[in-house]
Amino acid sequence: MTTDDAITVLLSKIARATEALSDAVVNEMSLEDGRTKIKMEAVQRIMAGGDNPMTGKPHSFSSAEAIANTDKTYNDYLATVRQAAAQRIIARGQYDAAIIEAQLIANKR
């Protein structure tokens, strides 16, 4: 394979890595956009679920919000957001690696 052929292959690799990074960023941003709605639903479930065991009174908004992470649906959503952030980091690493690989090949010319 010639250097020019190698560069062509690497440019294609960079294009694929760019698309994967873009998709990962869009996915993460979409999940972040939905986080407030999912959290508010968790707060509503907690408030409707009975009294605050610490006070024996109905949950206030702030007390329910403080324990929103204990809501399974919201907690699962947060895990999905974390996974999307991890995928973005992986995609960025693959993009950076493709750029560096192309630069190394180009510098051999």
PDB file of N, CA and C in Angstrom:
ATOM      1  N   MET A   1       0.850  -1.175   0.000  1.00  0.00           N
ATOM      2  CA  MET A   1       0.000   0.000   0.000  1.00  0.00           C
ATOM      3  C   MET A   1       0.896   1.239   0.000  1.00  0.00           C
ATOM      4  N   THR A   2       0.604   2.156  -0.868  1.00  0.00           N
ATOM      5  CA  THR A   2       1.394   3.387  -0.932  1.00  0.00           C
ATOM      6  C   THR A   2       0.980   4.318   0.204  1.00  0.00           C
ATOM      7  N   THR A   3       1.809   5.325   0.419  1.00  0.00           N
ATOM      8  CA  THR A   3       1.487   6.318   1.439  1.00  0.00           C
ATOM      9  C   THR A   3       0.189   7.032   1.095  1.00  0.00           C
ATOM     10  N   ASP A   4      -0.001   7.341  -0.187  1.00  0.00           N
ATOM     11  CA  ASP A   4      -1.243   7.999  -0.599  1.00  0.00           C
ATOM     12  C   ASP A   4      -2.455   7.111  -0.338  1.00  0.00           C
ATOM     13  N   ASP A   5      -2.307   5.809  -0.595  1.00  0.00           N
ATOM     14  CA  ASP A   5      -3.398   4.878  -0.302  1.00  0.00           C
ATOM     15  C   ASP A   5      -3.685   4.836   1.203  1.00  0.00           C
ATOM     16  N   ALA A   6      -2.639   4.821   1.988  1.00  0.00           N
ATOM     17  CA  ALA A   6      -2.791   4.789   3.447  1.00  0.00           C
ATOM     18  C   ALA A   6      -3.502   6.044   3.937  1.00  0.00           C
ATOM     19  N   ILE A   7      -3.149   7.184   3.366  1.00  0.00           N
ATOM     20  CA  ILE A   7      -3.795   8.447   3.752  1.00  0.00           C
ATOM     21  C   ILE A   7      -5.268   8.416   3.367  1.00  0.00           C
ATOM     22  N   THR A   8      -5.585   7.890   2.202  1.00  0.00           N
ATOM     23  CA  THR A   8      -6.984   7.783   1.779  1.00  0.00           C
ATOM     24  C   THR A   8      -7.779   6.911   2.751  1.00  0.00           C
ATOM     25  N   VAL A   9      -7.196   5.796   3.143  1.00  0.00           N
ATOM     26  CA  VAL A   9      -7.855   4.910   4.111  1.00  0.00           C
ATOM     27  C   VAL A   9      -8.044   5.631   5.443  1.00  0.00           C
ATOM     28  N   LEU A  10      -7.022   6.345   5.881  1.00  0.00           N
ATOM     29  CA  LEU A  10      -7.116   7.041   7.161  1.00  0.00           C
ATOM     30  C   LEU A  10      -8.122   8.188   7.119  1.00  0.00           C
ATOM     31  N   LEU A  11      -8.220   8.866   5.996  1.00  0.00           N
ATOM     32  CA  LEU A  11      -9.224   9.928   5.873  1.00  0.00           C
ATOM     33  C   LEU A  11     -10.637   9.354   5.994  1.00  0.00           C
ATOM     34  N   SER A  12     -10.834   8.184   5.424  1.00  0.00           N
ATOM     35  CA  SER A  12     -12.122   7.505   5.555  1.00  0.00           C
ATOM     36  C   SER A  12     -12.374   7.126   7.018  1.00  0.00           C
ATOM     37  N   LYS A  13     -11.325   6.662   7.684  1.00  0.00           N
ATOM     38  CA  LYS A  13     -11.423   6.305   9.104  1.00  0.00           C
ATOM     39  C   LYS A  13     -11.769   7.544   9.937  1.00  0.00           C
ATOM     40  N   ILE A  14     -11.157   8.671   9.607  1.00  0.00           N
ATOM     41  CA  ILE A  14     -11.446   9.925  10.318  1.00  0.00           C
ATOM     42  C   ILE A  14     -12.898  10.328  10.093  1.00  0.00           C
ATOM     43  N   ALA A  15     -13.375  10.190   8.866  1.00  0.00           N
ATOM     44  CA  ALA A  15     -14.771  10.541   8.568  1.00  0.00           C
ATOM     45  C   ALA A  15     -15.733   9.677   9.378  1.00  0.00           C
ATOM     46  N   ARG A  16     -15.450   8.381   9.462  1.00  0.00           N
ATOM     47  CA  ARG A  16     -16.312   7.485  10.257  1.00  0.00           C
ATOM     48  C   ARG A  16     -16.240   7.844  11.741  1.00  0.00           C
ATOM     49  N   ALA A  17     -15.044   8.150  12.223  1.00  0.00           N
ATOM     50  CA  ALA A  17     -14.872   8.522  13.629  1.00  0.00           C
ATOM     51  C   ALA A  17     -15.583   9.838  13.930  1.00  0.00           C
ATOM     52  N   THR A  18     -15.548  10.760  12.977  1.00  0.00           N
ATOM     53  CA  THR A  18     -16.247  12.034  13.139  1.00  0.00           C
ATOM     54  C   THR A  18     -17.749  11.812  13.251  1.00  0.00           C
ATOM     55  N   GLU A  19     -18.275  10.962  12.396  1.00  0.00           N
ATOM     56  CA  GLU A  19     -19.706  10.663  12.436  1.00  0.00           C
ATOM     57  C   GLU A  19     -20.089   9.974  13.747  1.00  0.00           C
ATOM     58  N   ALA A  20     -19.275   9.046  14.197  1.00  0.00           N
ATOM     59  CA  ALA A  20     -19.554   8.351  15.459  1.00  0.00           C
ATOM     60  C   ALA A  20     -19.516   9.329  16.633  1.00  0.00           C
ATOM     61  N   LEU A  21     -18.552  10.243  16.620  1.00  0.00           N
ATOM     62  CA  LEU A  21     -18.463  11.244  17.681  1.00  0.00           C
ATOM     63  C   LEU A  21     -19.682  12.155  17.652  1.00  0.00           C
ATOM     64  N   SER A  22     -20.066  12.581  16.482  1.00  0.00           N
ATOM     65  CA  SER A  22     -21.254  13.434  16.344  1.00  0.00           C
ATOM     66  C   SER A  22     -22.494  12.725  16.872  1.00  0.00           C
ATOM     67  N   ASP A  23     -22.674  11.471  16.501  1.00  0.00           N
ATOM     68  CA  ASP A  23     -23.831  10.698  16.977  1.00  0.00           C
ATOM     69  C   ASP A  23     -23.816  10.571  18.499  1.00  0.00           C
ATOM     70  N   ALA A  24     -22.634  10.342  19.064  1.00  0.00           N
ATOM     71  CA  ALA A  24     -22.522  10.195  20.517  1.00  0.00           C
ATOM     72  C   ALA A  24     -22.863  11.498  21.237  1.00  0.00           C
ATOM     73  N   VAL A  25     -22.417  12.613  20.688  1.00  0.00           N
ATOM     74  CA  VAL A  25     -22.712  13.919  21.288  1.00  0.00           C
ATOM     75  C   VAL A  25     -24.213  14.210  21.215  1.00  0.00           C
ATOM     76  N   VAL A  26     -24.816  13.957  20.066  1.00  0.00           N
ATOM     77  CA  VAL A  26     -26.257  14.185  19.909  1.00  0.00           C
ATOM     78  C   VAL A  26     -27.041  13.318  20.888  1.00  0.00           C
ATOM     79  N   ASN A  27     -26.654  12.058  21.026  1.00  0.00           N
ATOM     80  CA  ASN A  27     -27.341  11.162  21.949  1.00  0.00           C
ATOM     81  C   ASN A  27     -27.237  11.676  23.386  1.00  0.00           C
ATOM     82  N   GLU A  28     -26.041  12.049  23.786  1.00  0.00           N
ATOM     83  CA  GLU A  28     -25.858  12.539  25.152  1.00  0.00           C
ATOM     84  C   GLU A  28     -26.662  13.820  25.390  1.00  0.00           C
ATOM     85  N   MET A  29     -26.629  14.729  24.432  1.00  0.00           N
ATOM     86  CA  MET A  29     -27.370  15.984  24.585  1.00  0.00           C
ATOM     87  C   MET A  29     -28.876  15.735  24.648  1.00  0.00           C
ATOM     88  N   SER A  30     -29.362  14.799  23.859  1.00  0.00           N
ATOM     89  CA  SER A  30     -30.791  14.474  23.874  1.00  0.00           C
ATOM     90  C   SER A  30     -31.195  13.919  25.236  1.00  0.00           C
ATOM     91  N   LEU A  31     -30.364  13.061  25.784  1.00  0.00           N
ATOM     92  CA  LEU A  31     -30.650  12.519  27.107  1.00  0.00           C
ATOM     93  C   LEU A  31     -30.610  13.613  28.175  1.00  0.00           C
ATOM     94  N   GLU A  32     -29.644  14.496  28.086  1.00  0.00           N
ATOM     95  CA  GLU A  32     -29.563  15.613  29.043  1.00  0.00           C
ATOM     96  C   GLU A  32     -30.806  16.505  28.934  1.00  0.00           C
ATOM     97  N   ASP A  33     -31.277  16.719  27.714  1.00  0.00           N
ATOM     98  CA  ASP A  33     -32.488  17.524  27.516  1.00  0.00           C
ATOM     99  C   ASP A  33     -33.687  16.920  28.237  1.00  0.00           C
ATOM    100  N   GLY A  34     -33.745  15.601  28.338  1.00  0.00           N
ATOM    101  CA  GLY A  34     -34.872  14.929  28.979  1.00  0.00           C
ATOM    102  C   GLY A  34     -34.722  14.721  30.466  1.00  0.00           C
ATOM    103  N   ARG A  35     -33.566  15.034  31.009  1.00  0.00           N
ATOM    104  CA  ARG A  35     -33.302  14.732  32.418  1.00  0.00           C
ATOM    105  C   ARG A  35     -34.257  15.460  33.370  1.00  0.00           C
ATOM    106  N   THR A  36     -34.515  16.722  33.138  1.00  0.00           N
ATOM    107  CA  THR A  36     -35.381  17.489  34.040  1.00  0.00           C
ATOM    108  C   THR A  36     -36.786  16.901  34.083  1.00  0.00           C
ATOM    109  N   LYS A  37     -37.313  16.538  32.923  1.00  0.00           N
ATOM    110  CA  LYS A  37     -38.656  15.946  32.864  1.00  0.00           C
ATOM    111  C   LYS A  37     -38.707  14.644  33.665  1.00  0.00           C
ATOM    112  N   ILE A  38     -37.716  13.789  33.472  1.00  0.00           N
ATOM    113  CA  ILE A  38     -37.689  12.508  34.171  1.00  0.00           C
ATOM    114  C   ILE A  38     -37.530  12.727  35.681  1.00  0.00           C
ATOM    115  N   LYS A  39     -36.710  13.713  36.064  1.00  0.00           N
ATOM    116  CA  LYS A  39     -36.532  14.007  37.486  1.00  0.00           C
ATOM    117  C   LYS A  39     -37.830  14.522  38.100  1.00  0.00           C
ATOM    118  N   MET A  40     -38.521  15.405  37.378  1.00  0.00           N
ATOM    119  CA  MET A  40     -39.782  15.944  37.906  1.00  0.00           C
ATOM    120  C   MET A  40     -40.826  14.841  38.060  1.00  0.00           C
ATOM    121  N   GLU A  41     -40.828  13.891  37.146  1.00  0.00           N
ATOM    122  CA  GLU A  41     -41.728  12.741  37.279  1.00  0.00           C
ATOM    123  C   GLU A  41     -41.375  11.929  38.520  1.00  0.00           C
ATOM    124  N   ALA A  42     -40.088  11.798  38.795  1.00  0.00           N
ATOM    125  CA  ALA A  42     -39.655  11.079  40.000  1.00  0.00           C
ATOM    126  C   ALA A  42     -40.107  11.818  41.251  1.00  0.00           C
ATOM    127  N   VAL A  43     -39.951  13.133  41.251  1.00  0.00           N
ATOM    128  CA  VAL A  43     -40.380  13.946  42.396  1.00  0.00           C
ATOM    129  C   VAL A  43     -41.882  13.765  42.617  1.00  0.00           C
ATOM    130  N   GLN A  44     -42.658  13.787  41.551  1.00  0.00           N
ATOM    131  CA  GLN A  44     -44.112  13.602  41.667  1.00  0.00           C
ATOM    132  C   GLN A  44     -44.444  12.222  42.238  1.00  0.00           C
ATOM    133  N   ARG A  45     -43.738  11.189  41.776  1.00  0.00           N
ATOM    134  CA  ARG A  45     -43.979   9.838  42.305  1.00  0.00           C
ATOM    135  C   ARG A  45     -43.662   9.771  43.804  1.00  0.00           C
ATOM    136  N   ILE A  46     -42.564  10.386  44.190  1.00  0.00           N
ATOM    137  CA  ILE A  46     -42.168  10.374  45.601  1.00  0.00           C
ATOM    138  C   ILE A  46     -43.202  11.126  46.443  1.00  0.00           C
ATOM    139  N   MET A  47     -43.631  12.271  45.959  1.00  0.00           N
ATOM    140  CA  MET A  47     -44.614  13.069  46.702  1.00  0.00           C
ATOM    141  C   MET A  47     -45.946  12.327  46.824  1.00  0.00           C
ATOM    142  N   ALA A  48     -46.311  11.578  45.789  1.00  0.00           N
ATOM    143  CA  ALA A  48     -47.574  10.836  45.811  1.00  0.00           C
ATOM    144  C   ALA A  48     -47.454   9.508  46.558  1.00  0.00           C
ATOM    145  N   GLY A  49     -46.240   9.106  46.846  1.00  0.00           N
ATOM    146  CA  GLY A  49     -46.000   7.782  47.428  1.00  0.00           C
ATOM    147  C   GLY A  49     -46.179   7.675  48.923  1.00  0.00           C
ATOM    148  N   GLY A  50     -46.500   8.745  49.567  1.00  0.00           N
ATOM    149  CA  GLY A  50     -46.701   8.664  51.016  1.00  0.00           C
ATOM    150  C   GLY A  50     -45.875   9.690  51.757  1.00  0.00           C
ATOM    151  N   ASP A  51     -45.975   9.605  53.063  1.00  0.00           N
ATOM    152  CA  ASP A  51     -45.311  10.585  53.916  1.00  0.00           C
ATOM    153  C   ASP A  51     -43.797  10.396  53.947  1.00  0.00           C
ATOM    154  N   ASN A  52     -43.138  11.482  54.262  1.00  0.00           N
ATOM    155  CA  ASN A  52     -41.696  11.474  54.470  1.00  0.00           C
ATOM    156  C   ASN A  52     -41.441  10.719  55.774  1.00  0.00           C
ATOM    157  N   PRO A  53     -40.707   9.613  55.740  1.00  0.00           N
ATOM    158  CA  PRO A  53     -40.501   8.823  56.962  1.00  0.00           C
ATOM    159  C   PRO A  53     -39.744   9.578  58.056  1.00  0.00           C
ATOM    160  N   MET A  54     -39.007  10.587  57.681  1.00  0.00           N
ATOM    161  CA  MET A  54     -38.239  11.337  58.687  1.00  0.00           C
ATOM    162  C   MET A  54     -39.112  12.325  59.456  1.00  0.00           C
ATOM    163  N   THR A  55     -40.169  12.823  58.798  1.00  0.00           N
ATOM    164  CA  THR A  55     -41.001  13.835  59.450  1.00  0.00           C
ATOM    165  C   THR A  55     -42.405  13.337  59.767  1.00  0.00           C
ATOM    166  N   GLY A  56     -42.821  12.263  59.095  1.00  0.00           N
ATOM    167  CA  GLY A  56     -44.184  11.780  59.266  1.00  0.00           C
ATOM    168  C   GLY A  56     -45.207  12.651  58.556  1.00  0.00           C
ATOM    169  N   LYS A  57     -44.733  13.595  57.771  1.00  0.00           N
ATOM    170  CA  LYS A  57     -45.619  14.509  57.026  1.00  0.00           C
ATOM    171  C   LYS A  57     -45.454  14.243  55.535  1.00  0.00           C
ATOM    172  N   PRO A  58     -46.398  14.726  54.736  1.00  0.00           N
ATOM    173  CA  PRO A  58     -46.230  14.560  53.284  1.00  0.00           C
ATOM    174  C   PRO A  58     -44.920  15.190  52.806  1.00  0.00           C
ATOM    175  N   HIS A  59     -44.348  14.569  51.804  1.00  0.00           N
ATOM    176  CA  HIS A  59     -43.115  15.119  51.221  1.00  0.00           C
ATOM    177  C   HIS A  59     -43.374  16.505  50.652  1.00  0.00           C
ATOM    178  N   SER A  60     -42.474  17.417  50.953  1.00  0.00           N
ATOM    179  CA  SER A  60     -42.473  18.697  50.250  1.00  0.00           C
ATOM    180  C   SER A  60     -41.753  18.487  48.923  1.00  0.00           C
ATOM    181  N   PHE A  61     -41.867  19.471  48.037  1.00  0.00           N
ATOM    182  CA  PHE A  61     -41.147  19.364  46.771  1.00  0.00           C
ATOM    183  C   PHE A  61     -39.655  19.212  47.023  1.00  0.00           C
ATOM    184  N   SER A  62     -39.117  20.039  47.915  1.00  0.00           N
ATOM    185  CA  SER A  62     -37.660  20.003  48.138  1.00  0.00           C
ATOM    186  C   SER A  62     -37.208  18.691  48.778  1.00  0.00           C
ATOM    187  N   SER A  63     -38.011  18.125  49.671  1.00  0.00           N
ATOM    188  CA  SER A  63     -37.597  16.849  50.264  1.00  0.00           C
ATOM    189  C   SER A  63     -37.677  15.729  49.236  1.00  0.00           C
ATOM    190  N   ALA A  64     -38.690  15.780  48.377  1.00  0.00           N
ATOM    191  CA  ALA A  64     -38.804  14.766  47.326  1.00  0.00           C
ATOM    192  C   ALA A  64     -37.673  14.916  46.306  1.00  0.00           C
ATOM    193  N   GLU A  65     -37.351  16.160  45.966  1.00  0.00           N
ATOM    194  CA  GLU A  65     -36.262  16.392  45.010  1.00  0.00           C
ATOM    195  C   GLU A  65     -34.927  15.917  45.582  1.00  0.00           C
ATOM    196  N   ALA A  66     -34.748  16.088  46.879  1.00  0.00           N
ATOM    197  CA  ALA A  66     -33.489  15.694  47.514  1.00  0.00           C
ATOM    198  C   ALA A  66     -33.239  14.194  47.429  1.00  0.00           C
ATOM    199  N   ILE A  67     -34.312  13.402  47.329  1.00  0.00           N
ATOM    200  CA  ILE A  67     -34.138  11.953  47.254  1.00  0.00           C
ATOM    201  C   ILE A  67     -34.562  11.386  45.897  1.00  0.00           C
ATOM    202  N   ALA A  68     -34.648  12.253  44.902  1.00  0.00           N
ATOM    203  CA  ALA A  68     -35.079  11.808  43.564  1.00  0.00           C
ATOM    204  C   ALA A  68     -34.185  10.688  43.027  1.00  0.00           C
ATOM    205  N   ASN A  69     -32.915  10.690  43.399  1.00  0.00           N
ATOM    206  CA  ASN A  69     -31.998   9.651  42.908  1.00  0.00           C
ATOM    207  C   ASN A  69     -32.369   8.260  43.404  1.00  0.00           C
ATOM    208  N   THR A  70     -33.225   8.187  44.420  1.00  0.00           N
ATOM    209  CA  THR A  70     -33.643   6.877  44.920  1.00  0.00           C
ATOM    210  C   THR A  70     -34.776   6.286  44.079  1.00  0.00           C
ATOM    211  N   ASP A  71     -35.361   7.100  43.212  1.00  0.00           N
ATOM    212  CA  ASP A  71     -36.425   6.614  42.322  1.00  0.00           C
ATOM    213  C   ASP A  71     -35.786   5.737  41.243  1.00  0.00           C
ATOM    214  N   LYS A  72     -36.266   4.513  41.105  1.00  0.00           N
ATOM    215  CA  LYS A  72     -35.649   3.561  40.174  1.00  0.00           C
ATOM    216  C   LYS A  72     -35.652   4.072  38.739  1.00  0.00           C
ATOM    217  N   THR A  73     -36.778   4.617  38.291  1.00  0.00           N
ATOM    218  CA  THR A  73     -36.859   5.086  36.899  1.00  0.00           C
ATOM    219  C   THR A  73     -35.851   6.205  36.652  1.00  0.00           C
ATOM    220  N   TYR A  74     -35.780   7.158  37.579  1.00  0.00           N
ATOM    221  CA  TYR A  74     -34.831   8.267  37.420  1.00  0.00           C
ATOM    222  C   TYR A  74     -33.396   7.757  37.532  1.00  0.00           C
ATOM    223  N   ASN A  75     -33.148   6.867  38.457  1.00  0.00           N
ATOM    224  CA  ASN A  75     -31.804   6.313  38.624  1.00  0.00           C
ATOM    225  C   ASN A  75     -31.372   5.564  37.363  1.00  0.00           C
ATOM    226  N   ASP A  76     -32.289   4.789  36.779  1.00  0.00           N
ATOM    227  CA  ASP A  76     -31.982   4.086  35.525  1.00  0.00           C
ATOM    228  C   ASP A  76     -31.691   5.079  34.401  1.00  0.00           C
ATOM    229  N   TYR A  77     -32.439   6.167  34.372  1.00  0.00           N
ATOM    230  CA  TYR A  77     -32.220   7.199  33.351  1.00  0.00           C
ATOM    231  C   TYR A  77     -30.822   7.814  33.521  1.00  0.00           C
ATOM    232  N   LEU A  78     -30.458   8.099  34.762  1.00  0.00           N
ATOM    233  CA  LEU A  78     -29.123   8.654  35.015  1.00  0.00           C
ATOM    234  C   LEU A  78     -28.029   7.689  34.572  1.00  0.00           C
ATOM    235  N   ALA A  79     -28.253   6.398  34.755  1.00  0.00           N
ATOM    236  CA  ALA A  79     -27.279   5.406  34.297  1.00  0.00           C
ATOM    237  C   ALA A  79     -27.145   5.459  32.776  1.00  0.00           C
ATOM    238  N   THR A  80     -28.259   5.675  32.087  1.00  0.00           N
ATOM    239  CA  THR A  80     -28.227   5.799  30.622  1.00  0.00           C
ATOM    240  C   THR A  80     -27.464   7.052  30.211  1.00  0.00           C
ATOM    241  N   VAL A  81     -27.652   8.146  30.947  1.00  0.00           N
ATOM    242  CA  VAL A  81     -26.920   9.393  30.665  1.00  0.00           C
ATOM    243  C   VAL A  81     -25.418   9.169  30.877  1.00  0.00           C
ATOM    244  N   ARG A  82     -25.065   8.484  31.957  1.00  0.00           N
ATOM    245  CA  ARG A  82     -23.635   8.201  32.213  1.00  0.00           C
ATOM    246  C   ARG A  82     -23.043   7.339  31.105  1.00  0.00           C
ATOM    247  N   GLN A  83     -23.801   6.354  30.651  1.00  0.00           N
ATOM    248  CA  GLN A  83     -23.317   5.483  29.576  1.00  0.00           C
ATOM    249  C   GLN A  83     -23.122   6.283  28.292  1.00  0.00           C
ATOM    250  N   ALA A  84     -24.039   7.212  28.021  1.00  0.00           N
ATOM    251  CA  ALA A  84     -23.906   8.056  26.825  1.00  0.00           C
ATOM    252  C   ALA A  84     -22.666   8.938  26.927  1.00  0.00           C
ATOM    253  N   ALA A  85     -22.380   9.450  28.110  1.00  0.00           N
ATOM    254  CA  ALA A  85     -21.172  10.260  28.304  1.00  0.00           C
ATOM    255  C   ALA A  85     -19.923   9.407  28.082  1.00  0.00           C
ATOM    256  N   ALA A  86     -19.952   8.176  28.561  1.00  0.00           N
ATOM    257  CA  ALA A  86     -18.816   7.272  28.346  1.00  0.00           C
ATOM    258  C   ALA A  86     -18.634   6.987  26.857  1.00  0.00           C
ATOM    259  N   GLN A  87     -19.726   6.776  26.142  1.00  0.00           N
ATOM    260  CA  GLN A  87     -19.645   6.522  24.703  1.00  0.00           C
ATOM    261  C   GLN A  87     -19.078   7.734  23.954  1.00  0.00           C
ATOM    262  N   ARG A  88     -19.431   8.934  24.407  1.00  0.00           N
ATOM    263  CA  ARG A  88     -18.882  10.143  23.788  1.00  0.00           C
ATOM    264  C   ARG A  88     -17.373  10.204  23.997  1.00  0.00           C
ATOM    265  N   ILE A  89     -16.929   9.866  25.185  1.00  0.00           N
ATOM    266  CA  ILE A  89     -15.487   9.888  25.486  1.00  0.00           C
ATOM    267  C   ILE A  89     -14.759   8.852  24.635  1.00  0.00           C
ATOM    268  N   ILE A  90     -15.318   7.672  24.498  1.00  0.00           N
ATOM    269  CA  ILE A  90     -14.720   6.630  23.665  1.00  0.00           C
ATOM    270  C   ILE A  90     -14.661   7.087  22.211  1.00  0.00           C
ATOM    271  N   ALA A  91     -15.756   7.663  21.736  1.00  0.00           N
ATOM    272  CA  ALA A  91     -15.798   8.135  20.347  1.00  0.00           C
ATOM    273  C   ALA A  91     -14.762   9.237  20.126  1.00  0.00           C
ATOM    274  N   ARG A  92     -14.592  10.111  21.100  1.00  0.00           N
ATOM    275  CA  ARG A  92     -13.591  11.177  20.973  1.00  0.00           C
ATOM    276  C   ARG A  92     -12.190  10.585  20.920  1.00  0.00           C
ATOM    277  N   GLY A  93     -11.942   9.567  21.732  1.00  0.00           N
ATOM    278  CA  GLY A  93     -10.640   8.907  21.707  1.00  0.00           C
ATOM    279  C   GLY A  93     -10.355   8.265  20.366  1.00  0.00           C
ATOM    280  N   GLN A  94     -11.364   7.633  19.783  1.00  0.00           N
ATOM    281  CA  GLN A  94     -11.193   7.009  18.469  1.00  0.00           C
ATOM    282  C   GLN A  94     -10.954   8.071  17.395  1.00  0.00           C
ATOM    283  N   TYR A  95     -11.651   9.185  17.502  1.00  0.00           N
ATOM    284  CA  TYR A  95     -11.441  10.283  16.557  1.00  0.00           C
ATOM    285  C   TYR A  95     -10.008  10.824  16.683  1.00  0.00           C
ATOM    286  N   ASP A  96      -9.593  11.098  17.909  1.00  0.00           N
ATOM    287  CA  ASP A  96      -8.241  11.625  18.131  1.00  0.00           C
ATOM    288  C   ASP A  96      -7.178  10.639  17.644  1.00  0.00           C
ATOM    289  N   ALA A  97      -7.399   9.351  17.881  1.00  0.00           N
ATOM    290  CA  ALA A  97      -6.443   8.340  17.431  1.00  0.00           C
ATOM    291  C   ALA A  97      -6.341   8.313  15.908  1.00  0.00           C
ATOM    292  N   ALA A  98      -7.472   8.460  15.238  1.00  0.00           N
ATOM    293  CA  ALA A  98      -7.458   8.468  13.769  1.00  0.00           C
ATOM    294  C   ALA A  98      -6.704   9.688  13.242  1.00  0.00           C
ATOM    295  N   ILE A  99      -6.897  10.836  13.878  1.00  0.00           N
ATOM    296  CA  ILE A  99      -6.181  12.053  13.467  1.00  0.00           C
ATOM    297  C   ILE A  99      -4.679  11.874  13.665  1.00  0.00           C
ATOM    298  N   ILE A 100      -4.290  11.370  14.805  1.00  0.00           N
ATOM    299  CA  ILE A 100      -2.864  11.184  15.097  1.00  0.00           C
ATOM    300  C   ILE A 100      -2.249  10.175  14.129  1.00  0.00           C
ATOM    301  N   GLU A 101      -2.966   9.100  13.861  1.00  0.00           N
ATOM    302  CA  GLU A 101      -2.470   8.097  12.918  1.00  0.00           C
ATOM    303  C   GLU A 101      -2.241   8.720  11.542  1.00  0.00           C
ATOM    304  N   ALA A 102      -3.176   9.547  11.095  1.00  0.00           N
ATOM    305  CA  ALA A 102      -3.036  10.213   9.789  1.00  0.00           C
ATOM    306  C   ALA A 102      -1.850  11.178   9.792  1.00  0.00           C
ATOM    307  N   GLN A 103      -1.677  11.877  10.892  1.00  0.00           N
ATOM    308  CA  GLN A 103      -0.558  12.810  10.985  1.00  0.00           C
ATOM    309  C   GLN A 103       0.781  12.070  10.940  1.00  0.00           C
ATOM    310  N   LEU A 104       0.843  10.940  11.609  1.00  0.00           N
ATOM    311  CA  LEU A 104       2.082  10.152  11.591  1.00  0.00           C
ATOM    312  C   LEU A 104       2.414   9.656  10.188  1.00  0.00           C
ATOM    313  N   ILE A 105       1.393   9.175   9.465  1.00  0.00           N
ATOM    314  CA  ILE A 105       1.612   8.711   8.095  1.00  0.00           C
ATOM    315  C   ILE A 105       2.022   9.889   7.202  1.00  0.00           C
ATOM    316  N   ALA A 106       1.346  11.026   7.371  1.00  0.00           N
ATOM    317  CA  ALA A 106       1.658  12.198   6.549  1.00  0.00           C
ATOM    318  C   ALA A 106       3.071  12.685   6.824  1.00  0.00           C
ATOM    319  N   ASN A 107       3.527  12.605   8.046  1.00  0.00           N
ATOM    320  CA  ASN A 107       4.871  13.070   8.406  1.00  0.00           C
ATOM    321  C   ASN A 107       5.968  12.166   7.848  1.00  0.00           C
ATOM    322  N   LYS A 108       5.617  10.934   7.478  1.00  0.00           N
ATOM    323  CA  LYS A 108       6.599  10.016   6.880  1.00  0.00           C
ATOM    324  C   LYS A 108       6.863  10.361   5.428  1.00  0.00           C
ATOM    325  N   ARG A 109       6.022  11.183   4.844  1.00  0.00           N
ATOM    326  CA  ARG A 109       6.154  11.514   3.416  1.00  0.00           C
ATOM    327  C   ARG A 109       7.380  12.276   3.182  1.00  0.00           C
TER     328      ARG A 109
END
